[in-house]
């Protein structure tokens, strides 16, 4: 799942939003299949990054905020700065 998360971000930041979105969707779906709830918020945030860079700011804010909230509920904070950074796109 880490590979899907990183690959999605690489594609996002290189401008390949179709590939990034497909990988984020795959990560999100795999978390349910593998019962890995800790990865689900990362999939949500990755989907939000793609939405943001595609100009869908309102949708992005909702998805990223939900992802960050879920991520924090797991006790994690490491990706929080990236989620709210204005320099990542």
Protein backbone atom coordinates (compact mmCIF):
# COMPACT_ATOMS: atom_id res chain seq x y z
CA UNK A 1 0.00 0.00 0.00
CA UNK A 2 2.93 2.29 0.60
CA UNK A 3 3.91 1.87 -3.04
CA UNK A 4 0.45 2.89 -4.22
CA UNK A 5 0.49 5.93 -1.95
CA UNK A 6 3.93 7.11 -3.08
CA UNK A 7 3.24 6.35 -6.76
CA UNK A 8 0.01 8.33 -6.60
CA UNK A 9 1.85 11.34 -5.17
CA UNK A 10 4.62 11.07 -7.78
CA UNK A 11 2.06 11.08 -10.58
CA UNK A 12 0.14 13.90 -8.92
CA UNK A 13 3.17 16.15 -8.65
CA UNK A 14 4.32 15.32 -12.18
CA UNK A 15 0.92 16.34 -13.58
CA UNK A 16 -0.37 12.91 -14.58
CA UNK A 17 -3.70 13.27 -12.79
CA UNK A 18 -5.38 10.33 -14.51
CA UNK A 19 -2.71 7.89 -13.28
CA UNK A 20 -2.59 9.56 -9.87
CA UNK A 21 -6.34 9.30 -9.45
CA UNK A 22 -6.38 5.66 -10.55
CA UNK A 23 -3.68 4.79 -8.00
CA UNK A 24 -5.41 6.75 -5.24
CA UNK A 25 -8.69 4.96 -6.02
CA UNK A 26 -6.88 1.61 -5.97
CA UNK A 27 -5.28 2.41 -2.61
CA UNK A 28 -8.63 3.49 -1.18
CA UNK A 29 -10.34 0.29 -2.37
CA UNK A 30 -7.48 -1.95 -1.24
CA UNK A 31 -7.67 -0.65 2.31
CA UNK A 32 -11.14 -2.15 2.68
CA UNK A 33 -10.16 -5.37 0.95
CA UNK A 34 -7.04 -5.82 3.11
CA UNK A 35 -8.67 -4.41 6.24
CA UNK A 36 -5.99 -1.77 6.67
CA UNK A 37 -7.82 1.26 8.01
CA UNK A 38 -4.60 3.16 8.68
CA UNK A 39 -4.01 3.50 4.92
CA UNK A 40 -7.53 4.63 4.01
CA UNK A 41 -6.98 8.27 5.07
CA UNK A 42 -3.85 8.41 2.90
CA UNK A 43 -5.92 7.25 -0.06
CA UNK A 44 -8.47 9.94 0.72
CA UNK A 45 -5.82 12.64 0.93
CA UNK A 46 -4.25 11.47 -2.33
CA UNK A 47 -7.66 11.74 -4.01
CA UNK A 48 -7.97 15.24 -2.57
CA UNK A 49 -4.58 16.31 -3.93
CA UNK A 50 -5.67 15.28 -7.42
CA UNK A 51 -8.96 17.14 -7.09
CA UNK A 52 -7.11 20.25 -5.93
CA UNK A 53 -4.70 20.22 -8.83
CA UNK A 54 -7.56 19.63 -11.27
CA UNK A 55 -9.17 22.87 -10.11
CA UNK A 56 -11.90 21.26 -7.98
CA UNK A 57 -10.96 23.11 -4.83
CA UNK A 58 -14.28 22.75 -3.01
CA UNK A 59 -14.32 18.97 -3.48
CA UNK A 60 -10.63 18.78 -2.59
CA UNK A 61 -11.11 20.61 0.70
CA UNK A 62 -13.85 18.21 1.76
CA UNK A 63 -11.90 15.07 0.81
CA UNK A 64 -8.57 16.24 2.27
CA UNK A 65 -10.20 17.42 5.50
CA UNK A 66 -11.99 14.09 5.91
CA UNK A 67 -8.73 12.26 5.22
CA UNK A 68 -6.73 14.34 7.70
CA UNK A 69 -9.44 13.90 10.36
CA UNK A 70 -9.44 10.12 9.84
CA UNK A 71 -5.63 10.05 9.82
CA UNK A 72 -5.46 11.98 13.09
CA UNK A 73 -8.02 9.65 14.65
CA UNK A 74 -5.44 6.89 14.13
CA UNK A 75 -2.94 9.00 16.08
CA UNK A 76 -0.89 9.91 13.01
CA UNK A 77 0.32 13.39 12.12
CA UNK A 78 3.23 12.87 9.75
CA UNK A 79 1.45 13.75 6.49
CA UNK A 80 -0.63 16.60 7.90
CA UNK A 81 1.73 19.37 6.73
CA UNK A 82 1.71 17.98 3.18
CA UNK A 83 -2.08 17.86 3.15
CA UNK A 84 -2.37 21.57 3.81
CA UNK A 85 0.68 22.80 1.94
CA UNK A 86 0.16 25.32 -0.83
CA UNK A 87 3.60 24.53 -2.25
CA UNK A 88 2.83 20.97 -3.40
CA UNK A 89 1.13 21.86 -6.63
